[in-house]
Amino acid sequence: MCQRVLPLLLALVSFPWLPLSAVAEGTLPSPSGEVLLTISGNIVLPNVDDQARFDREMLMAIAPTEVHTGTPWHSDSAHYEGPLFREVLAAAGVRSDRIRVRALNDFEAEIPLAELHDYDVILAMSRNGTPLQIREFGPLFVLYPFDDHPELHNESVRFRSVWHVVHIHAP
């Protein structure tokens, strides 16, 4: 019993942002639908080989969050919905201080994890109730709450606001 409990307690102390249910179970369920996101690298809760893979249902079950904001790429504000980005990373047990986010076209941006704890950044999956399609920044879009934080209107954050997200790597 102690041999099983000690690693879980160490995980709780080392990774306070991990959801307690994931740590208690020690596993991440496998996706049953189309995989939208793969997380690789320094993770402790893989579900397929050494990666964490998520389908739409899995992502929407992780801290679903709604954000009403404008973006530098749209002429109007909109209602976006998706999981809190930091909680998606926690579900995979990411152990890094930064991540690399890659889009369908292989564009990559590095994001410091501290920034995801300072702001409620989501992986937007829908806009005004409609799932994001590829032609509309989907299937996943790193969305900062621009309207709530004027300091986010800068070139660095715009660069990190990756759309068409398919892969995240934790070095």
N, C-alpha and C. Protein backbone atom coordinates (compact mmCIF):
# COMPACT_ATOMS: atom_id res chain seq x y z
N MET A 1 0.83 -1.20 0.00
CA MET A 1 0.00 0.00 0.00
C MET A 1 0.86 1.26 0.00
N CYS A 2 1.87 1.33 0.89
CA CYS A 2 2.73 2.51 0.98
C CYS A 2 3.47 2.76 -0.33
N GLN A 3 3.83 1.69 -1.03
CA GLN A 3 4.55 1.85 -2.29
C GLN A 3 3.67 2.52 -3.34
N ARG A 4 2.35 2.35 -3.27
CA ARG A 4 1.44 2.99 -4.22
C ARG A 4 1.09 4.40 -3.79
N VAL A 5 0.95 4.65 -2.51
CA VAL A 5 0.52 5.94 -2.00
C VAL A 5 1.64 6.97 -2.08
N LEU A 6 2.86 6.60 -1.77
CA LEU A 6 3.96 7.55 -1.74
C LEU A 6 4.15 8.28 -3.08
N PRO A 7 4.18 7.58 -4.22
CA PRO A 7 4.32 8.32 -5.49
C PRO A 7 3.17 9.28 -5.74
N LEU A 8 1.96 8.92 -5.34
CA LEU A 8 0.82 9.82 -5.53
C LEU A 8 0.95 11.05 -4.64
N LEU A 9 1.40 10.87 -3.41
CA LEU A 9 1.59 12.02 -2.53
C LEU A 9 2.70 12.93 -3.06
N LEU A 10 3.77 12.33 -3.56
CA LEU A 10 4.83 13.13 -4.16
C LEU A 10 4.32 13.91 -5.36
N ALA A 11 3.47 13.30 -6.16
CA ALA A 11 2.89 14.00 -7.31
C ALA A 11 2.04 15.18 -6.85
N LEU A 12 1.27 14.98 -5.80
CA LEU A 12 0.44 16.07 -5.29
C LEU A 12 1.29 17.24 -4.81
N VAL A 13 2.35 16.96 -4.10
CA VAL A 13 3.22 18.01 -3.58
C VAL A 13 3.99 18.68 -4.71
N SER A 14 4.48 17.90 -5.65
CA SER A 14 5.30 18.43 -6.74
C SER A 14 4.49 19.18 -7.78
N PHE A 15 3.25 18.77 -7.97
CA PHE A 15 2.43 19.34 -9.04
C PHE A 15 1.08 19.77 -8.49
N PRO A 16 1.02 20.89 -7.76
CA PRO A 16 -0.22 21.30 -7.12
C PRO A 16 -1.33 21.64 -8.10
N TRP A 17 -1.00 21.86 -9.38
CA TRP A 17 -2.02 22.21 -10.34
C TRP A 17 -2.68 20.98 -10.97
N LEU A 18 -2.20 19.77 -10.65
CA LEU A 18 -2.83 18.57 -11.19
C LEU A 18 -4.21 18.40 -10.59
N PRO A 19 -5.21 18.04 -11.40
CA PRO A 19 -6.52 17.77 -10.83
C PRO A 19 -6.42 16.57 -9.87
N LEU A 20 -7.05 16.68 -8.73
CA LEU A 20 -6.96 15.61 -7.74
C LEU A 20 -7.50 14.29 -8.28
N SER A 21 -8.54 14.33 -9.10
CA SER A 21 -9.09 13.09 -9.63
C SER A 21 -8.09 12.38 -10.52
N ALA A 22 -7.34 13.12 -11.34
CA ALA A 22 -6.35 12.50 -12.23
C ALA A 22 -5.22 11.89 -11.41
N VAL A 23 -4.78 12.59 -10.38
CA VAL A 23 -3.69 12.07 -9.55
C VAL A 23 -4.16 10.83 -8.80
N ALA A 24 -5.38 10.89 -8.26
CA ALA A 24 -5.90 9.75 -7.51
C ALA A 24 -6.03 8.53 -8.40
N GLU A 25 -6.50 8.71 -9.61
CA GLU A 25 -6.64 7.59 -10.53
C GLU A 25 -5.30 7.20 -11.14
N GLY A 26 -4.41 8.17 -11.32
CA GLY A 26 -3.10 7.90 -11.89
C GLY A 26 -3.13 7.62 -13.38
N THR A 27 -4.27 7.88 -14.03
CA THR A 27 -4.38 7.64 -15.46
C THR A 27 -5.21 8.73 -16.12
N LEU A 28 -5.02 8.87 -17.40
CA LEU A 28 -5.83 9.74 -18.24
C LEU A 28 -6.57 8.82 -19.19
N PRO A 29 -7.89 8.92 -19.27
CA PRO A 29 -8.61 8.00 -20.17
C PRO A 29 -8.17 8.19 -21.62
N SER A 30 -8.32 7.15 -22.40
CA SER A 30 -7.99 7.22 -23.83
C SER A 30 -9.14 7.89 -24.58
N PRO A 31 -8.82 8.61 -25.65
CA PRO A 31 -9.89 9.25 -26.44
C PRO A 31 -10.72 8.19 -27.16
N SER A 32 -12.01 8.47 -27.29
CA SER A 32 -12.88 7.56 -28.04
C SER A 32 -13.28 8.17 -29.38
N GLY A 33 -13.10 9.47 -29.52
CA GLY A 33 -13.42 10.15 -30.76
C GLY A 33 -12.16 10.62 -31.47
N GLU A 34 -12.34 11.47 -32.46
CA GLU A 34 -11.22 12.01 -33.23
C GLU A 34 -10.29 12.80 -32.31
N VAL A 35 -9.01 12.52 -32.38
CA VAL A 35 -8.03 13.23 -31.56
C VAL A 35 -7.84 14.64 -32.11
N LEU A 36 -8.08 15.64 -31.25
CA LEU A 36 -7.89 17.04 -31.64
C LEU A 36 -6.56 17.59 -31.15
N LEU A 37 -6.05 17.03 -30.05
CA LEU A 37 -4.86 17.58 -29.42
C LEU A 37 -3.97 16.46 -28.89
N THR A 38 -2.67 16.60 -29.14
CA THR A 38 -1.68 15.68 -28.60
C THR A 38 -0.69 16.49 -27.78
N ILE A 39 -0.39 16.02 -26.57
CA ILE A 39 0.61 16.66 -25.72
C ILE A 39 1.73 15.65 -25.51
N SER A 40 2.96 16.11 -25.76
CA SER A 40 4.12 15.22 -25.63
C SER A 40 5.19 15.89 -24.77
N GLY A 41 6.24 15.13 -24.50
CA GLY A 41 7.37 15.67 -23.75
C GLY A 41 7.31 15.28 -22.29
N ASN A 42 7.57 16.26 -21.44
CA ASN A 42 7.69 16.04 -20.01
C ASN A 42 6.31 16.02 -19.36
N ILE A 43 5.62 14.87 -19.46
CA ILE A 43 4.29 14.70 -18.89
C ILE A 43 4.28 13.44 -18.02
N VAL A 44 3.40 13.44 -17.02
CA VAL A 44 3.35 12.28 -16.11
C VAL A 44 2.07 11.46 -16.27
N LEU A 45 1.12 11.90 -17.07
CA LEU A 45 -0.13 11.16 -17.23
C LEU A 45 -0.45 10.90 -18.71
N PRO A 46 0.39 10.15 -19.41
CA PRO A 46 0.09 9.84 -20.81
C PRO A 46 -1.06 8.84 -20.90
N ASN A 47 -1.73 8.81 -22.05
CA ASN A 47 -2.79 7.82 -22.24
C ASN A 47 -2.59 6.97 -23.51
N VAL A 48 -1.68 7.38 -24.39
CA VAL A 48 -1.33 6.59 -25.57
C VAL A 48 0.19 6.63 -25.70
N ASP A 49 0.82 5.50 -25.46
CA ASP A 49 2.28 5.42 -25.44
C ASP A 49 2.81 6.47 -24.46
N ASP A 50 3.65 7.40 -24.92
CA ASP A 50 4.20 8.42 -24.02
C ASP A 50 3.58 9.79 -24.26
N GLN A 51 2.39 9.82 -24.86
CA GLN A 51 1.70 11.07 -25.15
C GLN A 51 0.34 11.11 -24.46
N ALA A 52 -0.17 12.32 -24.32
CA ALA A 52 -1.55 12.51 -23.85
C ALA A 52 -2.34 13.00 -25.06
N ARG A 53 -3.37 12.25 -25.40
CA ARG A 53 -4.20 12.60 -26.56
C ARG A 53 -5.62 12.88 -26.08
N PHE A 54 -6.23 13.91 -26.67
CA PHE A 54 -7.55 14.36 -26.25
C PHE A 54 -8.49 14.49 -27.45
N ASP A 55 -9.73 14.02 -27.26
CA ASP A 55 -10.77 14.27 -28.25
C ASP A 55 -11.64 15.43 -27.74
N ARG A 56 -12.63 15.83 -28.52
CA ARG A 56 -13.48 16.97 -28.16
C ARG A 56 -14.16 16.76 -26.81
N GLU A 57 -14.72 15.59 -26.59
CA GLU A 57 -15.44 15.33 -25.35
C GLU A 57 -14.52 15.43 -24.13
N MET A 58 -13.32 14.89 -24.25
CA MET A 58 -12.36 14.95 -23.14
C MET A 58 -11.99 16.40 -22.84
N LEU A 59 -11.73 17.17 -23.88
CA LEU A 59 -11.34 18.57 -23.68
C LEU A 59 -12.46 19.38 -23.03
N MET A 60 -13.68 19.18 -23.49
CA MET A 60 -14.79 19.95 -22.93
C MET A 60 -15.13 19.55 -21.51
N ALA A 61 -14.66 18.39 -21.07
CA ALA A 61 -14.89 17.95 -19.70
C ALA A 61 -13.89 18.56 -18.72
N ILE A 62 -12.85 19.20 -19.24
CA ILE A 62 -11.80 19.79 -18.41
C ILE A 62 -12.07 21.28 -18.22
N ALA A 63 -12.53 21.66 -17.08
CA ALA A 63 -12.72 23.07 -16.71
C ALA A 63 -13.33 23.90 -17.84
N PRO A 64 -14.56 23.54 -18.30
CA PRO A 64 -15.17 24.33 -19.38
C PRO A 64 -15.33 25.78 -18.94
N THR A 65 -14.90 26.67 -19.80
CA THR A 65 -14.86 28.10 -19.47
C THR A 65 -15.41 28.92 -20.64
N GLU A 66 -16.13 29.97 -20.29
CA GLU A 66 -16.67 30.87 -21.30
C GLU A 66 -15.97 32.21 -21.18
N VAL A 67 -15.62 32.77 -22.33
CA VAL A 67 -14.96 34.08 -22.37
C VAL A 67 -15.67 34.92 -23.42
N HIS A 68 -16.03 36.13 -23.05
CA HIS A 68 -16.58 37.08 -24.02
C HIS A 68 -15.51 38.13 -24.26
N THR A 69 -14.98 38.17 -25.48
CA THR A 69 -13.88 39.08 -25.78
C THR A 69 -13.80 39.36 -27.27
N GLY A 70 -13.13 40.44 -27.58
CA GLY A 70 -12.74 40.71 -28.96
C GLY A 70 -11.34 40.16 -29.16
N THR A 71 -10.92 40.06 -30.38
CA THR A 71 -9.56 39.63 -30.70
C THR A 71 -8.99 40.59 -31.73
N PRO A 72 -7.69 40.62 -31.89
CA PRO A 72 -7.10 41.46 -32.93
C PRO A 72 -7.45 41.00 -34.35
N TRP A 73 -8.04 39.81 -34.49
CA TRP A 73 -8.31 39.25 -35.83
C TRP A 73 -9.77 39.26 -36.20
N HIS A 74 -10.64 39.73 -35.32
CA HIS A 74 -12.08 39.78 -35.59
C HIS A 74 -12.58 41.21 -35.42
N SER A 75 -13.58 41.57 -36.18
CA SER A 75 -14.11 42.93 -36.11
C SER A 75 -15.11 43.11 -34.97
N ASP A 76 -15.57 42.02 -34.38
CA ASP A 76 -16.54 42.10 -33.30
C ASP A 76 -16.14 41.21 -32.13
N SER A 77 -16.71 41.51 -30.97
CA SER A 77 -16.51 40.65 -29.80
C SER A 77 -17.40 39.42 -29.98
N ALA A 78 -17.00 38.35 -29.33
CA ALA A 78 -17.77 37.12 -29.44
C ALA A 78 -17.69 36.34 -28.14
N HIS A 79 -18.54 35.35 -28.05
CA HIS A 79 -18.60 34.45 -26.90
C HIS A 79 -17.86 33.18 -27.29
N TYR A 80 -16.77 32.87 -26.59
CA TYR A 80 -15.95 31.69 -26.87
C TYR A 80 -16.09 30.71 -25.72
N GLU A 81 -15.98 29.43 -26.06
CA GLU A 81 -16.03 28.40 -25.02
C GLU A 81 -14.96 27.36 -25.29
N GLY A 82 -14.36 26.90 -24.19
CA GLY A 82 -13.34 25.85 -24.27
C GLY A 82 -12.75 25.64 -22.90
N PRO A 83 -11.88 24.65 -22.77
CA PRO A 83 -11.27 24.38 -21.47
C PRO A 83 -10.20 25.40 -21.11
N LEU A 84 -10.03 25.64 -19.82
CA LEU A 84 -8.91 26.46 -19.37
C LEU A 84 -7.62 25.77 -19.80
N PHE A 85 -6.76 26.50 -20.46
CA PHE A 85 -5.53 25.92 -21.02
C PHE A 85 -4.68 25.28 -19.92
N ARG A 86 -4.53 25.97 -18.80
CA ARG A 86 -3.68 25.44 -17.74
C ARG A 86 -4.21 24.12 -17.20
N GLU A 87 -5.53 23.93 -17.21
CA GLU A 87 -6.12 22.69 -16.71
C GLU A 87 -5.95 21.54 -17.70
N VAL A 88 -5.91 21.85 -19.00
CA VAL A 88 -5.62 20.81 -20.00
C VAL A 88 -4.20 20.30 -19.77
N LEU A 89 -3.28 21.22 -19.55
CA LEU A 89 -1.89 20.83 -19.29
C LEU A 89 -1.79 20.03 -17.99
N ALA A 90 -2.56 20.42 -16.99
CA ALA A 90 -2.56 19.70 -15.72
C ALA A 90 -3.12 18.29 -15.90
N ALA A 91 -4.12 18.14 -16.75
CA ALA A 91 -4.71 16.82 -16.98
C ALA A 91 -3.70 15.84 -17.57
N ALA A 92 -2.74 16.37 -18.32
CA ALA A 92 -1.67 15.53 -18.88
C ALA A 92 -0.49 15.43 -17.92
N GLY A 93 -0.51 16.21 -16.86
CA GLY A 93 0.60 16.20 -15.90
C GLY A 93 1.85 16.83 -16.47
N VAL A 94 1.70 17.95 -17.17
CA VAL A 94 2.85 18.64 -17.74
C VAL A 94 3.77 19.11 -16.63
N ARG A 95 5.07 18.79 -16.77
CA ARG A 95 6.10 19.20 -15.80
C ARG A 95 7.13 20.03 -16.54
N SER A 96 6.83 21.28 -16.71
CA SER A 96 7.73 22.19 -17.42
C SER A 96 7.33 23.61 -17.05
N ASP A 97 8.20 24.54 -17.29
CA ASP A 97 7.87 25.95 -17.03
C ASP A 97 7.45 26.67 -18.31
N ARG A 98 7.45 25.94 -19.43
CA ARG A 98 7.04 26.51 -20.71
C ARG A 98 6.58 25.37 -21.62
N ILE A 99 5.83 25.74 -22.64
CA ILE A 99 5.37 24.76 -23.62
C ILE A 99 5.56 25.34 -25.02
N ARG A 100 5.60 24.46 -26.00
CA ARG A 100 5.63 24.86 -27.41
C ARG A 100 4.32 24.40 -28.02
N VAL A 101 3.57 25.35 -28.58
CA VAL A 101 2.28 25.08 -29.20
C VAL A 101 2.46 25.08 -30.71
N ARG A 102 1.99 24.00 -31.37
CA ARG A 102 2.16 23.89 -32.82
C ARG A 102 0.80 23.83 -33.51
N ALA A 103 0.71 24.53 -34.63
CA ALA A 103 -0.51 24.58 -35.43
C ALA A 103 -0.44 23.58 -36.58
N LEU A 104 -1.56 23.42 -37.26
CA LEU A 104 -1.65 22.53 -38.43
C LEU A 104 -0.59 22.84 -39.49
N ASN A 105 -0.26 24.12 -39.66
CA ASN A 105 0.71 24.52 -40.69
C ASN A 105 2.15 24.53 -40.16
N ASP A 106 2.37 23.93 -38.99
CA ASP A 106 3.67 23.81 -38.33
C ASP A 106 4.18 25.12 -37.71
N PHE A 107 3.36 26.17 -37.68
CA PHE A 107 3.72 27.38 -36.94
C PHE A 107 3.83 26.99 -35.47
N GLU A 108 4.85 27.50 -34.79
CA GLU A 108 5.03 27.21 -33.37
C GLU A 108 5.25 28.48 -32.57
N ALA A 109 4.77 28.45 -31.34
CA ALA A 109 5.00 29.55 -30.41
C ALA A 109 5.26 28.97 -29.03
N GLU A 110 6.16 29.61 -28.31
CA GLU A 110 6.46 29.18 -26.94
C GLU A 110 5.66 30.03 -25.97
N ILE A 111 5.06 29.38 -24.98
CA ILE A 111 4.26 30.07 -23.98
C ILE A 111 4.78 29.69 -22.59
N PRO A 112 5.11 30.68 -21.76
CA PRO A 112 5.51 30.37 -20.38
C PRO A 112 4.27 29.97 -19.56
N LEU A 113 4.39 28.91 -18.79
CA LEU A 113 3.25 28.45 -18.00
C LEU A 113 2.79 29.48 -16.99
N ALA A 114 3.69 30.30 -16.50
CA ALA A 114 3.30 31.34 -15.54
C ALA A 114 2.22 32.25 -16.14
N GLU A 115 2.32 32.51 -17.42
CA GLU A 115 1.33 33.36 -18.09
C GLU A 115 -0.05 32.71 -18.08
N LEU A 116 -0.10 31.40 -18.18
CA LEU A 116 -1.38 30.69 -18.17
C LEU A 116 -2.00 30.66 -16.79
N HIS A 117 -1.18 30.90 -15.76
CA HIS A 117 -1.70 30.99 -14.40
C HIS A 117 -2.08 32.43 -14.05
N ASP A 118 -1.48 33.38 -14.75
CA ASP A 118 -1.81 34.80 -14.52
C ASP A 118 -3.11 35.20 -15.20
N TYR A 119 -3.45 34.53 -16.30
CA TYR A 119 -4.63 34.88 -17.09
C TYR A 119 -5.45 33.62 -17.37
N ASP A 120 -6.75 33.77 -17.49
CA ASP A 120 -7.62 32.64 -17.80
C ASP A 120 -7.66 32.41 -19.31
N VAL A 121 -6.56 31.89 -19.83
CA VAL A 121 -6.43 31.58 -21.25
C VAL A 121 -7.18 30.28 -21.50
N ILE A 122 -7.94 30.24 -22.57
CA ILE A 122 -8.65 29.00 -22.90
C ILE A 122 -8.17 28.46 -24.24
N LEU A 123 -8.44 27.20 -24.45
CA LEU A 123 -8.31 26.60 -25.78
C LEU A 123 -9.71 26.67 -26.37
N ALA A 124 -9.99 27.75 -27.08
CA ALA A 124 -11.34 27.97 -27.60
C ALA A 124 -11.69 26.87 -28.60
N MET A 125 -12.90 26.35 -28.42
CA MET A 125 -13.41 25.30 -29.30
C MET A 125 -14.68 25.73 -30.03
N SER A 126 -15.31 26.80 -29.52
CA SER A 126 -16.51 27.30 -30.18
C SER A 126 -16.56 28.82 -30.09
N ARG A 127 -17.22 29.41 -31.06
CA ARG A 127 -17.42 30.87 -31.11
C ARG A 127 -18.91 31.09 -31.31
N ASN A 128 -19.53 31.81 -30.37
CA ASN A 128 -20.97 32.07 -30.40
C ASN A 128 -21.77 30.78 -30.56
N GLY A 129 -21.33 29.73 -29.84
CA GLY A 129 -22.06 28.47 -29.82
C GLY A 129 -21.80 27.53 -30.99
N THR A 130 -20.97 27.94 -31.94
CA THR A 130 -20.68 27.10 -33.10
C THR A 130 -19.25 26.58 -33.00
N PRO A 131 -19.06 25.26 -33.14
CA PRO A 131 -17.69 24.73 -33.09
C PRO A 131 -16.79 25.42 -34.11
N LEU A 132 -15.57 25.72 -33.68
CA LEU A 132 -14.61 26.38 -34.58
C LEU A 132 -14.16 25.39 -35.65
N GLN A 133 -14.31 25.79 -36.88
CA GLN A 133 -13.84 25.01 -38.02
C GLN A 133 -12.44 25.50 -38.38
N ILE A 134 -11.75 24.76 -39.20
CA ILE A 134 -10.39 25.15 -39.59
C ILE A 134 -10.37 26.55 -40.21
N ARG A 135 -11.33 26.86 -41.04
CA ARG A 135 -11.36 28.18 -41.68
C ARG A 135 -11.70 29.31 -40.70
N GLU A 136 -12.08 28.92 -39.47
CA GLU A 136 -12.46 29.90 -38.44
C GLU A 136 -11.59 29.76 -37.20
N PHE A 137 -10.29 29.47 -37.38
CA PHE A 137 -9.31 29.40 -36.30
C PHE A 137 -9.33 28.07 -35.55
N GLY A 138 -10.16 27.12 -35.94
CA GLY A 138 -10.29 25.87 -35.22
C GLY A 138 -9.34 24.79 -35.70
N PRO A 139 -9.41 23.66 -35.11
CA PRO A 139 -10.40 23.26 -34.11
C PRO A 139 -10.11 23.82 -32.70
N LEU A 140 -8.85 24.21 -32.45
CA LEU A 140 -8.48 24.78 -31.15
C LEU A 140 -7.73 26.09 -31.37
N PHE A 141 -8.04 27.08 -30.55
CA PHE A 141 -7.48 28.42 -30.68
C PHE A 141 -7.05 28.89 -29.29
N VAL A 142 -5.77 29.22 -29.11
CA VAL A 142 -5.27 29.75 -27.83
C VAL A 142 -5.82 31.17 -27.69
N LEU A 143 -6.79 31.33 -26.80
CA LEU A 143 -7.49 32.61 -26.69
C LEU A 143 -7.25 33.25 -25.33
N TYR A 144 -6.65 34.42 -25.37
CA TYR A 144 -6.43 35.23 -24.18
C TYR A 144 -7.66 36.11 -23.96
N PRO A 145 -7.97 36.46 -22.71
CA PRO A 145 -9.11 37.34 -22.42
C PRO A 145 -8.72 38.80 -22.67
N PHE A 146 -8.60 39.15 -23.94
CA PHE A 146 -8.11 40.48 -24.34
C PHE A 146 -8.91 41.63 -23.73
N ASP A 147 -10.23 41.54 -23.73
CA ASP A 147 -11.04 42.66 -23.25
C ASP A 147 -10.89 42.89 -21.74
N ASP A 148 -10.59 41.85 -20.99
CA ASP A 148 -10.45 41.98 -19.54
C ASP A 148 -9.08 42.49 -19.11
N HIS A 149 -8.10 42.41 -20.02
CA HIS A 149 -6.73 42.77 -19.67
C HIS A 149 -6.07 43.54 -20.82
N PRO A 150 -6.16 44.85 -20.81
CA PRO A 150 -5.59 45.66 -21.89
C PRO A 150 -4.10 45.41 -22.12
N GLU A 151 -3.39 44.98 -21.07
CA GLU A 151 -1.95 44.72 -21.23
C GLU A 151 -1.67 43.55 -22.16
N LEU A 152 -2.69 42.76 -22.48
CA LEU A 152 -2.51 41.64 -23.40
C LEU A 152 -2.47 42.07 -24.87
N HIS A 153 -2.81 43.30 -25.13
CA HIS A 153 -2.77 43.80 -26.50
C HIS A 153 -1.34 44.19 -26.87
N ASN A 154 -0.54 43.17 -27.14
CA ASN A 154 0.85 43.41 -27.55
C ASN A 154 1.28 42.31 -28.52
N GLU A 155 2.37 42.54 -29.19
CA GLU A 155 2.85 41.62 -30.22
C GLU A 155 3.20 40.24 -29.67
N SER A 156 3.77 40.16 -28.48
CA SER A 156 4.14 38.87 -27.90
C SER A 156 2.92 37.97 -27.68
N VAL A 157 1.87 38.55 -27.12
CA VAL A 157 0.66 37.77 -26.85
C VAL A 157 -0.02 37.40 -28.17
N ARG A 158 -0.07 38.30 -29.12
CA ARG A 158 -0.65 37.97 -30.43
C ARG A 158 0.10 36.80 -31.06
N PHE A 159 1.42 36.77 -30.92
CA PHE A 159 2.23 35.69 -31.46
C PHE A 159 1.90 34.36 -30.77
N ARG A 160 1.60 34.40 -29.48
CA ARG A 160 1.28 33.19 -28.72
C ARG A 160 -0.16 32.72 -28.90
N SER A 161 -0.99 33.55 -29.49
CA SER A 161 -2.40 33.21 -29.70
C SER A 161 -2.54 32.32 -30.93
N VAL A 162 -2.02 31.13 -30.82
CA VAL A 162 -1.97 30.21 -31.95
C VAL A 162 -3.37 29.67 -32.25
N TRP A 163 -3.73 29.62 -33.53
CA TRP A 163 -4.96 28.94 -33.92
C TRP A 163 -4.60 27.71 -34.74
N HIS A 164 -5.57 26.86 -34.97
CA HIS A 164 -5.34 25.56 -35.63
C HIS A 164 -4.41 24.68 -34.78
N VAL A 165 -4.49 24.80 -33.47
CA VAL A 165 -3.62 24.05 -32.56
C VAL A 165 -3.88 22.54 -32.69
N VAL A 166 -2.80 21.77 -32.83
CA VAL A 166 -2.90 20.31 -32.89
C VAL A 166 -1.94 19.62 -31.94
N HIS A 167 -0.86 20.31 -31.53
CA HIS A 167 0.15 19.65 -30.73
C HIS A 167 0.78 20.61 -29.74
N ILE A 168 1.07 20.10 -28.56
CA ILE A 168 1.78 20.86 -27.53
C ILE A 168 2.93 19.99 -27.05
N HIS A 169 4.09 20.60 -26.91
CA HIS A 169 5.26 19.87 -26.42
C HIS A 169 5.78 20.57 -25.16
N ALA A 170 6.01 19.79 -24.12
CA ALA A 170 6.58 20.30 -22.87
C ALA A 170 8.03 19.85 -22.80
N PRO A 171 8.98 20.76 -23.06
CA PRO A 171 10.39 20.36 -23.05
C PRO A 171 10.89 19.99 -21.65
